[in-house]
Structures are given as structure tokens and as C-alpha cells.
Amino acid sequence: MVGEDLDARARAYWRANIRTVLGCLAVWFLVSYGAGILLVDVLNQVNIAGFPLGFWFAQQGSIVAFLFLIIFYAWRMNRIDREHDVHE
């Protein structure tokens, strides 16, 4: 009984972990590949400080989004760890 309960809790923890990782990867893909490559022509019609928005996403936006995703991942994993009682 105790082993089965532990297995169920471990599966729930990793399911939450994998869901978070896949969500972060999807956002990173949309920002870096979608906005920086696929939608570049549409985004280039808008200028920010004299630079086309598509260029900005390809050069800066994907890096900024990646940094925000790192911060979000750390925050979210801390919450998941506390929810599943595996925090430090």
C-alpha cells in the first residue's frame, strides 16, 4: 500500500514537471521560431526604435523570452516541489 501511494505521488510530481517543461518549450518555440522566422515578414511591418519587429524578435526577443522562461520555470518548480512535499 505504501509503495503504491509513493508511486502515485511520484507520477503526479513528474507529470506536473513534464507539463511545465513542455509548456516552456512551446512558448520558447513560438517566440524564437514562430516570431523570429515564420512571422518575420508580418512583424517587420512594425518598427521599434527604427528596427523591424521581426528582426528584434530574432535578435533580442528570443533571448529575453528565454530568460523569463528560466525565471518562470524556477518559480513554478518551487511551487510544484512544495505541493508534492519534495522541497528542500
PDB file of N, CA and C in Angstrom:
ATOM      1  N   MET A   1       0.810  -1.205   0.000  1.00  0.00           N
ATOM      2  CA  MET A   1       0.000   0.000   0.000  1.00  0.00           C
ATOM      3  C   MET A   1       0.850   1.264   0.000  1.00  0.00           C
ATOM      4  N   VAL A   2       1.844   1.294   0.871  1.00  0.00           N
ATOM      5  CA  VAL A   2       2.675   2.494   0.984  1.00  0.00           C
ATOM      6  C   VAL A   2       3.457   2.703  -0.302  1.00  0.00           C
ATOM      7  N   GLY A   3       3.966   1.630  -0.896  1.00  0.00           N
ATOM      8  CA  GLY A   3       4.726   1.724  -2.145  1.00  0.00           C
ATOM      9  C   GLY A   3       3.871   2.228  -3.297  1.00  0.00           C
ATOM     10  N   GLU A   4       2.613   1.767  -3.341  1.00  0.00           N
ATOM     11  CA  GLU A   4       1.710   2.228  -4.399  1.00  0.00           C
ATOM     12  C   GLU A   4       1.392   3.704  -4.245  1.00  0.00           C
ATOM     13  N   ASP A   5       1.197   4.155  -3.006  1.00  0.00           N
ATOM     14  CA  ASP A   5       0.926   5.563  -2.752  1.00  0.00           C
ATOM     15  C   ASP A   5       2.121   6.416  -3.146  1.00  0.00           C
ATOM     16  N   LEU A   6       3.321   5.931  -2.850  1.00  0.00           N
ATOM     17  CA  LEU A   6       4.541   6.649  -3.204  1.00  0.00           C
ATOM     18  C   LEU A   6       4.692   6.723  -4.720  1.00  0.00           C
ATOM     19  N   ASP A   7       4.396   5.628  -5.409  1.00  0.00           N
ATOM     20  CA  ASP A   7       4.460   5.619  -6.869  1.00  0.00           C
ATOM     21  C   ASP A   7       3.460   6.607  -7.474  1.00  0.00           C
ATOM     22  N   ALA A   8       2.268   6.665  -6.941  1.00  0.00           N
ATOM     23  CA  ALA A   8       1.252   7.591  -7.454  1.00  0.00           C
ATOM     24  C   ALA A   8       1.674   9.033  -7.236  1.00  0.00           C
ATOM     25  N   ARG A   9       2.238   9.326  -6.082  1.00  0.00           N
ATOM     26  CA  ARG A   9       2.713  10.692  -5.809  1.00  0.00           C
ATOM     27  C   ARG A   9       3.884  11.048  -6.708  1.00  0.00           C
ATOM     28  N   ALA A  10       4.783  10.097  -6.933  1.00  0.00           N
ATOM     29  CA  ALA A  10       5.932  10.339  -7.815  1.00  0.00           C
ATOM     30  C   ALA A  10       5.464  10.589  -9.249  1.00  0.00           C
ATOM     31  N   ARG A  11       4.484   9.817  -9.717  1.00  0.00           N
ATOM     32  CA  ARG A  11       3.948  10.024 -11.071  1.00  0.00           C
ATOM     33  C   ARG A  11       3.275  11.378 -11.193  1.00  0.00           C
ATOM     34  N   ALA A  12       2.533  11.789 -10.167  1.00  0.00           N
ATOM     35  CA  ALA A  12       1.881  13.103 -10.191  1.00  0.00           C
ATOM     36  C   ALA A  12       2.916  14.216 -10.215  1.00  0.00           C
ATOM     37  N   TYR A  13       3.988  14.059  -9.464  1.00  0.00           N
ATOM     38  CA  TYR A  13       5.058  15.058  -9.445  1.00  0.00           C
ATOM     39  C   TYR A  13       5.701  15.190 -10.821  1.00  0.00           C
ATOM     40  N   TRP A  14       6.068  14.054 -11.427  1.00  0.00           N
ATOM     41  CA  TRP A  14       6.731  14.110 -12.721  1.00  0.00           C
ATOM     42  C   TRP A  14       5.781  14.543 -13.833  1.00  0.00           C
ATOM     43  N   ARG A  15       4.511  14.234 -13.689  1.00  0.00           N
ATOM     44  CA  ARG A  15       3.532  14.703 -14.678  1.00  0.00           C
ATOM     45  C   ARG A  15       3.466  16.231 -14.646  1.00  0.00           C
ATOM     46  N   ALA A  16       3.456  16.819 -13.455  1.00  0.00           N
ATOM     47  CA  ALA A  16       3.448  18.276 -13.323  1.00  0.00           C
ATOM     48  C   ALA A  16       4.749  18.873 -13.838  1.00  0.00           C
ATOM     49  N   ASN A  17       5.850  18.207 -13.558  1.00  0.00           N
ATOM     50  CA  ASN A  17       7.155  18.664 -14.020  1.00  0.00           C
ATOM     51  C   ASN A  17       7.227  18.654 -15.555  1.00  0.00           C
ATOM     52  N   ILE A  18       6.845  17.556 -16.157  1.00  0.00           N
ATOM     53  CA  ILE A  18       6.898  17.433 -17.621  1.00  0.00           C
ATOM     54  C   ILE A  18       5.939  18.411 -18.284  1.00  0.00           C
ATOM     55  N   ARG A  19       4.771  18.619 -17.705  1.00  0.00           N
ATOM     56  CA  ARG A  19       3.814  19.578 -18.249  1.00  0.00           C
ATOM     57  C   ARG A  19       4.420  20.989 -18.239  1.00  0.00           C
ATOM     58  N   THR A  20       5.124  21.331 -17.181  1.00  0.00           N
ATOM     59  CA  THR A  20       5.772  22.639 -17.090  1.00  0.00           C
ATOM     60  C   THR A  20       6.874  22.771 -18.132  1.00  0.00           C
ATOM     61  N   VAL A  21       7.694  21.746 -18.272  1.00  0.00           N
ATOM     62  CA  VAL A  21       8.784  21.779 -19.253  1.00  0.00           C
ATOM     63  C   VAL A  21       8.224  21.900 -20.667  1.00  0.00           C
ATOM     64  N   LEU A  22       7.207  21.123 -20.990  1.00  0.00           N
ATOM     65  CA  LEU A  22       6.633  21.182 -22.341  1.00  0.00           C
ATOM     66  C   LEU A  22       5.988  22.535 -22.617  1.00  0.00           C
ATOM     67  N   GLY A  23       5.345  23.118 -21.619  1.00  0.00           N
ATOM     68  CA  GLY A  23       4.781  24.454 -21.789  1.00  0.00           C
ATOM     69  C   GLY A  23       5.851  25.492 -22.058  1.00  0.00           C
ATOM     70  N   CYS A  24       6.945  25.419 -21.312  1.00  0.00           N
ATOM     71  CA  CYS A  24       8.056  26.359 -21.526  1.00  0.00           C
ATOM     72  C   CYS A  24       8.676  26.172 -22.905  1.00  0.00           C
ATOM     73  N   LEU A  25       8.851  24.928 -23.325  1.00  0.00           N
ATOM     74  CA  LEU A  25       9.403  24.667 -24.653  1.00  0.00           C
ATOM     75  C   LEU A  25       8.482  25.181 -25.759  1.00  0.00           C
ATOM     76  N   ALA A  26       7.184  25.039 -25.571  1.00  0.00           N
ATOM     77  CA  ALA A  26       6.235  25.534 -26.575  1.00  0.00           C
ATOM     78  C   ALA A  26       6.311  27.053 -26.693  1.00  0.00           C
ATOM     79  N   VAL A  27       6.388  27.743 -25.559  1.00  0.00           N
ATOM     80  CA  VAL A  27       6.497  29.209 -25.599  1.00  0.00           C
ATOM     81  C   VAL A  27       7.804  29.618 -26.258  1.00  0.00           C
ATOM     82  N   TRP A  28       8.889  28.947 -25.889  1.00  0.00           N
ATOM     83  CA  TRP A  28      10.190  29.289 -26.472  1.00  0.00           C
ATOM     84  C   TRP A  28      10.178  29.046 -27.980  1.00  0.00           C
ATOM     85  N   PHE A  29       9.571  27.950 -28.433  1.00  0.00           N
ATOM     86  CA  PHE A  29       9.470  27.662 -29.855  1.00  0.00           C
ATOM     87  C   PHE A  29       8.666  28.744 -30.572  1.00  0.00           C
ATOM     88  N   LEU A  30       7.534  29.122 -30.000  1.00  0.00           N
ATOM     89  CA  LEU A  30       6.699  30.140 -30.645  1.00  0.00           C
ATOM     90  C   LEU A  30       7.424  31.472 -30.760  1.00  0.00           C
ATOM     91  N   VAL A  31       8.151  31.842 -29.724  1.00  0.00           N
ATOM     92  CA  VAL A  31       8.854  33.130 -29.753  1.00  0.00           C
ATOM     93  C   VAL A  31      10.050  33.074 -30.689  1.00  0.00           C
ATOM     94  N   SER A  32      10.885  32.054 -30.553  1.00  0.00           N
ATOM     95  CA  SER A  32      12.121  32.031 -31.327  1.00  0.00           C
ATOM     96  C   SER A  32      11.896  31.623 -32.784  1.00  0.00           C
ATOM     97  N   TYR A  33      11.192  30.536 -33.011  1.00  0.00           N
ATOM     98  CA  TYR A  33      10.989  30.056 -34.377  1.00  0.00           C
ATOM     99  C   TYR A  33       9.800  30.739 -35.042  1.00  0.00           C
ATOM    100  N   GLY A  34       8.694  30.829 -34.306  1.00  0.00           N
ATOM    101  CA  GLY A  34       7.487  31.424 -34.882  1.00  0.00           C
ATOM    102  C   GLY A  34       7.645  32.896 -35.183  1.00  0.00           C
ATOM    103  N   ALA A  35       7.996  33.686 -34.166  1.00  0.00           N
ATOM    104  CA  ALA A  35       8.108  35.136 -34.361  1.00  0.00           C
ATOM    105  C   ALA A  35       9.393  35.516 -35.069  1.00  0.00           C
ATOM    106  N   GLY A  36      10.460  34.766 -34.841  1.00  0.00           N
ATOM    107  CA  GLY A  36      11.747  35.128 -35.437  1.00  0.00           C
ATOM    108  C   GLY A  36      11.941  34.640 -36.858  1.00  0.00           C
ATOM    109  N   ILE A  37      11.204  33.615 -37.284  1.00  0.00           N
ATOM    110  CA  ILE A  37      11.413  33.055 -38.630  1.00  0.00           C
ATOM    111  C   ILE A  37      10.109  33.024 -39.435  1.00  0.00           C
ATOM    112  N   LEU A  38       9.084  32.367 -38.909  1.00  0.00           N
ATOM    113  CA  LEU A  38       7.854  32.178 -39.688  1.00  0.00           C
ATOM    114  C   LEU A  38       7.063  33.466 -39.895  1.00  0.00           C
ATOM    115  N   LEU A  39       6.955  34.285 -38.871  1.00  0.00           N
ATOM    116  CA  LEU A  39       6.140  35.502 -38.949  1.00  0.00           C
ATOM    117  C   LEU A  39       6.972  36.761 -39.173  1.00  0.00           C
ATOM    118  N   VAL A  40       8.221  36.589 -39.593  1.00  0.00           N
ATOM    119  CA  VAL A  40       9.119  37.739 -39.690  1.00  0.00           C
ATOM    120  C   VAL A  40       8.606  38.787 -40.682  1.00  0.00           C
ATOM    121  N   ASP A  41       8.030  38.374 -41.802  1.00  0.00           N
ATOM    122  CA  ASP A  41       7.550  39.340 -42.791  1.00  0.00           C
ATOM    123  C   ASP A  41       6.395  40.174 -42.250  1.00  0.00           C
ATOM    124  N   VAL A  42       5.495  39.541 -41.532  1.00  0.00           N
ATOM    125  CA  VAL A  42       4.366  40.262 -40.939  1.00  0.00           C
ATOM    126  C   VAL A  42       4.862  41.201 -39.844  1.00  0.00           C
ATOM    127  N   LEU A  43       5.748  40.715 -38.994  1.00  0.00           N
ATOM    128  CA  LEU A  43       6.256  41.516 -37.883  1.00  0.00           C
ATOM    129  C   LEU A  43       7.153  42.662 -38.347  1.00  0.00           C
ATOM    130  N   ASN A  44       7.806  42.489 -39.477  1.00  0.00           N
ATOM    131  CA  ASN A  44       8.700  43.542 -39.978  1.00  0.00           C
ATOM    132  C   ASN A  44       7.945  44.796 -40.425  1.00  0.00           C
ATOM    133  N   GLN A  45       6.643  44.722 -40.514  1.00  0.00           N
ATOM    134  CA  GLN A  45       5.859  45.904 -40.873  1.00  0.00           C
ATOM    135  C   GLN A  45       5.761  46.885 -39.710  1.00  0.00           C
ATOM    136  N   VAL A  46       6.118  46.428 -38.499  1.00  0.00           N
ATOM    137  CA  VAL A  46       6.100  47.274 -37.302  1.00  0.00           C
ATOM    138  C   VAL A  46       7.541  47.577 -36.919  1.00  0.00           C
ATOM    139  N   ASN A  47       7.831  48.835 -36.608  1.00  0.00           N
ATOM    140  CA  ASN A  47       9.179  49.235 -36.212  1.00  0.00           C
ATOM    141  C   ASN A  47       9.211  49.589 -34.730  1.00  0.00           C
ATOM    142  N   ILE A  48      10.304  49.203 -34.065  1.00  0.00           N
ATOM    143  CA  ILE A  48      10.570  49.592 -32.684  1.00  0.00           C
ATOM    144  C   ILE A  48      11.946  50.257 -32.679  1.00  0.00           C
ATOM    145  N   ALA A  49      11.968  51.532 -32.336  1.00  0.00           N
ATOM    146  CA  ALA A  49      13.214  52.309 -32.297  1.00  0.00           C
ATOM    147  C   ALA A  49      13.967  52.212 -33.617  1.00  0.00           C
ATOM    148  N   GLY A  50      13.239  52.176 -34.708  1.00  0.00           N
ATOM    149  CA  GLY A  50      13.854  52.143 -36.024  1.00  0.00           C
ATOM    150  C   GLY A  50      14.202  50.759 -36.544  1.00  0.00           C
ATOM    151  N   PHE A  51      13.976  49.729 -35.742  1.00  0.00           N
ATOM    152  CA  PHE A  51      14.287  48.368 -36.161  1.00  0.00           C
ATOM    153  C   PHE A  51      12.997  47.595 -36.394  1.00  0.00           C
ATOM    154  N   PRO A  52      12.959  46.766 -37.444  1.00  0.00           N
ATOM    155  CA  PRO A  52      11.765  45.948 -37.694  1.00  0.00           C
ATOM    156  C   PRO A  52      11.521  44.977 -36.531  1.00  0.00           C
ATOM    157  N   LEU A  53      10.258  44.778 -36.171  1.00  0.00           N
ATOM    158  CA  LEU A  53       9.898  43.927 -35.049  1.00  0.00           C
ATOM    159  C   LEU A  53      10.361  42.480 -35.263  1.00  0.00           C
ATOM    160  N   GLY A  54      10.301  41.986 -36.487  1.00  0.00           N
ATOM    161  CA  GLY A  54      10.772  40.625 -36.775  1.00  0.00           C
ATOM    162  C   GLY A  54      12.252  40.475 -36.496  1.00  0.00           C
ATOM    163  N   PHE A  55      13.040  41.473 -36.870  1.00  0.00           N
ATOM    164  CA  PHE A  55      14.471  41.475 -36.577  1.00  0.00           C
ATOM    165  C   PHE A  55      14.688  41.492 -35.067  1.00  0.00           C
ATOM    166  N   TRP A  56      13.900  42.309 -34.359  1.00  0.00           N
ATOM    167  CA  TRP A  56      14.037  42.398 -32.910  1.00  0.00           C
ATOM    168  C   TRP A  56      13.775  41.049 -32.250  1.00  0.00           C
ATOM    169  N   PHE A  57      12.704  40.362 -32.693  1.00  0.00           N
ATOM    170  CA  PHE A  57      12.410  39.048 -32.120  1.00  0.00           C
ATOM    171  C   PHE A  57      13.520  38.055 -32.422  1.00  0.00           C
ATOM    172  N   ALA A  58      14.065  38.100 -33.629  1.00  0.00           N
ATOM    173  CA  ALA A  58      15.122  37.156 -33.991  1.00  0.00           C
ATOM    174  C   ALA A  58      16.395  37.422 -33.196  1.00  0.00           C
ATOM    175  N   GLN A  59      16.698  38.683 -32.918  1.00  0.00           N
ATOM    176  CA  GLN A  59      17.954  39.023 -32.257  1.00  0.00           C
ATOM    177  C   GLN A  59      17.835  39.135 -30.747  1.00  0.00           C
ATOM    178  N   GLN A  60      16.789  39.754 -30.253  1.00  0.00           N
ATOM    179  CA  GLN A  60      16.677  40.042 -28.830  1.00  0.00           C
ATOM    180  C   GLN A  60      15.511  39.322 -28.156  1.00  0.00           C
ATOM    181  N   GLY A  61      14.398  39.261 -28.826  1.00  0.00           N
ATOM    182  CA  GLY A  61      13.174  38.747 -28.214  1.00  0.00           C
ATOM    183  C   GLY A  61      13.282  37.319 -27.740  1.00  0.00           C
ATOM    184  N   SER A  62      13.921  36.459 -28.525  1.00  0.00           N
ATOM    185  CA  SER A  62      14.027  35.067 -28.107  1.00  0.00           C
ATOM    186  C   SER A  62      14.930  34.927 -26.883  1.00  0.00           C
ATOM    187  N   ILE A  63      15.954  35.759 -26.779  1.00  0.00           N
ATOM    188  CA  ILE A  63      16.836  35.720 -25.607  1.00  0.00           C
ATOM    189  C   ILE A  63      16.098  36.209 -24.371  1.00  0.00           C
ATOM    190  N   VAL A  64      15.368  37.315 -24.506  1.00  0.00           N
ATOM    191  CA  VAL A  64      14.597  37.849 -23.378  1.00  0.00           C
ATOM    192  C   VAL A  64      13.529  36.848 -22.942  1.00  0.00           C
ATOM    193  N   ALA A  65      12.844  36.256 -23.913  1.00  0.00           N
ATOM    194  CA  ALA A  65      11.822  35.251 -23.582  1.00  0.00           C
ATOM    195  C   ALA A  65      12.443  34.059 -22.863  1.00  0.00           C
ATOM    196  N   PHE A  66      13.633  33.639 -23.287  1.00  0.00           N
ATOM    197  CA  PHE A  66      14.316  32.525 -22.654  1.00  0.00           C
ATOM    198  C   PHE A  66      14.645  32.852 -21.194  1.00  0.00           C
ATOM    199  N   LEU A  67      15.107  34.062 -20.931  1.00  0.00           N
ATOM    200  CA  LEU A  67      15.406  34.456 -19.553  1.00  0.00           C
ATOM    201  C   LEU A  67      14.147  34.462 -18.690  1.00  0.00           C
ATOM    202  N   PHE A  68      13.048  34.978 -19.230  1.00  0.00           N
ATOM    203  CA  PHE A  68      11.787  34.954 -18.487  1.00  0.00           C
ATOM    204  C   PHE A  68      11.310  33.522 -18.245  1.00  0.00           C
ATOM    205  N   LEU A  69      11.532  32.636 -19.217  1.00  0.00           N
ATOM    206  CA  LEU A  69      11.140  31.238 -19.043  1.00  0.00           C
ATOM    207  C   LEU A  69      11.967  30.559 -17.947  1.00  0.00           C
ATOM    208  N   ILE A  70      13.241  30.904 -17.835  1.00  0.00           N
ATOM    209  CA  ILE A  70      14.073  30.354 -16.765  1.00  0.00           C
ATOM    210  C   ILE A  70      13.528  30.781 -15.408  1.00  0.00           C
ATOM    211  N   ILE A  71      13.197  32.066 -15.286  1.00  0.00           N
ATOM    212  CA  ILE A  71      12.647  32.576 -14.034  1.00  0.00           C
ATOM    213  C   ILE A  71      11.308  31.905 -13.722  1.00  0.00           C
ATOM    214  N   PHE A  72      10.445  31.800 -14.733  1.00  0.00           N
ATOM    215  CA  PHE A  72       9.147  31.145 -14.543  1.00  0.00           C
ATOM    216  C   PHE A  72       9.330  29.685 -14.141  1.00  0.00           C
ATOM    217  N   TYR A  73      10.247  28.969 -14.806  1.00  0.00           N
ATOM    218  CA  TYR A  73      10.457  27.555 -14.507  1.00  0.00           C
ATOM    219  C   TYR A  73      10.917  27.368 -13.059  1.00  0.00           C
ATOM    220  N   ALA A  74      11.852  28.188 -12.606  1.00  0.00           N
ATOM    221  CA  ALA A  74      12.337  28.083 -11.230  1.00  0.00           C
ATOM    222  C   ALA A  74      11.201  28.350 -10.238  1.00  0.00           C
ATOM    223  N   TRP A  75      10.396  29.386 -10.500  1.00  0.00           N
ATOM    224  CA  TRP A  75       9.271  29.713  -9.625  1.00  0.00           C
ATOM    225  C   TRP A  75       8.256  28.580  -9.606  1.00  0.00           C
ATOM    226  N   ARG A  76       7.911  28.083 -10.790  1.00  0.00           N
ATOM    227  CA  ARG A  76       6.892  27.032 -10.890  1.00  0.00           C
ATOM    228  C   ARG A  76       7.365  25.729 -10.253  1.00  0.00           C
ATOM    229  N   MET A  77       8.623  25.363 -10.450  1.00  0.00           N
ATOM    230  CA  MET A  77       9.134  24.127  -9.862  1.00  0.00           C
ATOM    231  C   MET A  77       9.194  24.227  -8.346  1.00  0.00           C
ATOM    232  N   ASN A  78       9.485  25.400  -7.820  1.00  0.00           N
ATOM    233  CA  ASN A  78       9.437  25.568  -6.364  1.00  0.00           C
ATOM    234  C   ASN A  78       8.030  25.319  -5.840  1.00  0.00           C
ATOM    235  N   ARG A  79       7.022  25.826  -6.557  1.00  0.00           N
ATOM    236  CA  ARG A  79       5.630  25.582  -6.144  1.00  0.00           C
ATOM    237  C   ARG A  79       5.271  24.105  -6.262  1.00  0.00           C
ATOM    238  N   ILE A  80       5.674  23.468  -7.356  1.00  0.00           N
ATOM    239  CA  ILE A  80       5.377  22.041  -7.544  1.00  0.00           C
ATOM    240  C   ILE A  80       6.072  21.220  -6.462  1.00  0.00           C
ATOM    241  N   ASP A  81       7.319  21.566  -6.140  1.00  0.00           N
ATOM    242  CA  ASP A  81       8.033  20.845  -5.078  1.00  0.00           C
ATOM    243  C   ASP A  81       7.292  20.955  -3.750  1.00  0.00           C
ATOM    244  N   ARG A  82       6.809  22.153  -3.424  1.00  0.00           N
ATOM    245  CA  ARG A  82       6.069  22.332  -2.161  1.00  0.00           C
ATOM    246  C   ARG A  82       4.740  21.573  -2.192  1.00  0.00           C
ATOM    247  N   GLU A  83       4.054  21.606  -3.332  1.00  0.00           N
ATOM    248  CA  GLU A  83       2.769  20.911  -3.444  1.00  0.00           C
ATOM    249  C   GLU A  83       2.929  19.399  -3.250  1.00  0.00           C
ATOM    250  N   HIS A  84       4.055  18.848  -3.708  1.00  0.00           N
ATOM    251  CA  HIS A  84       4.274  17.397  -3.633  1.00  0.00           C
ATOM    252  C   HIS A  84       5.199  17.016  -2.484  1.00  0.00           C
ATOM    253  N   ASP A  85       5.486  17.980  -1.627  1.00  0.00           N
ATOM    254  CA  ASP A  85       6.272  17.765  -0.412  1.00  0.00           C
ATOM    255  C   ASP A  85       7.654  17.162  -0.715  1.00  0.00           C
ATOM    256  N   VAL A  86       8.321  17.710  -1.720  1.00  0.00           N
ATOM    257  CA  VAL A  86       9.699  17.282  -2.036  1.00  0.00           C
ATOM    258  C   VAL A  86      10.638  18.495  -2.025  1.00  0.00           C
ATOM    259  N   HIS A  87      10.199  19.571  -1.394  1.00  0.00           N
ATOM    260  CA  HIS A  87      11.034  20.773  -1.352  1.00  0.00           C
ATOM    261  C   HIS A  87      12.175  20.592  -0.366  1.00  0.00           C
ATOM    262  N   GLU A  88      13.147  21.492  -0.496  1.00  0.00           N
ATOM    263  CA  GLU A  88      14.340  21.410   0.358  1.00  0.00           C
ATOM    264  C   GLU A  88      14.052  21.917   1.745  1.00  0.00           C
TER     265      GLU A  88
END
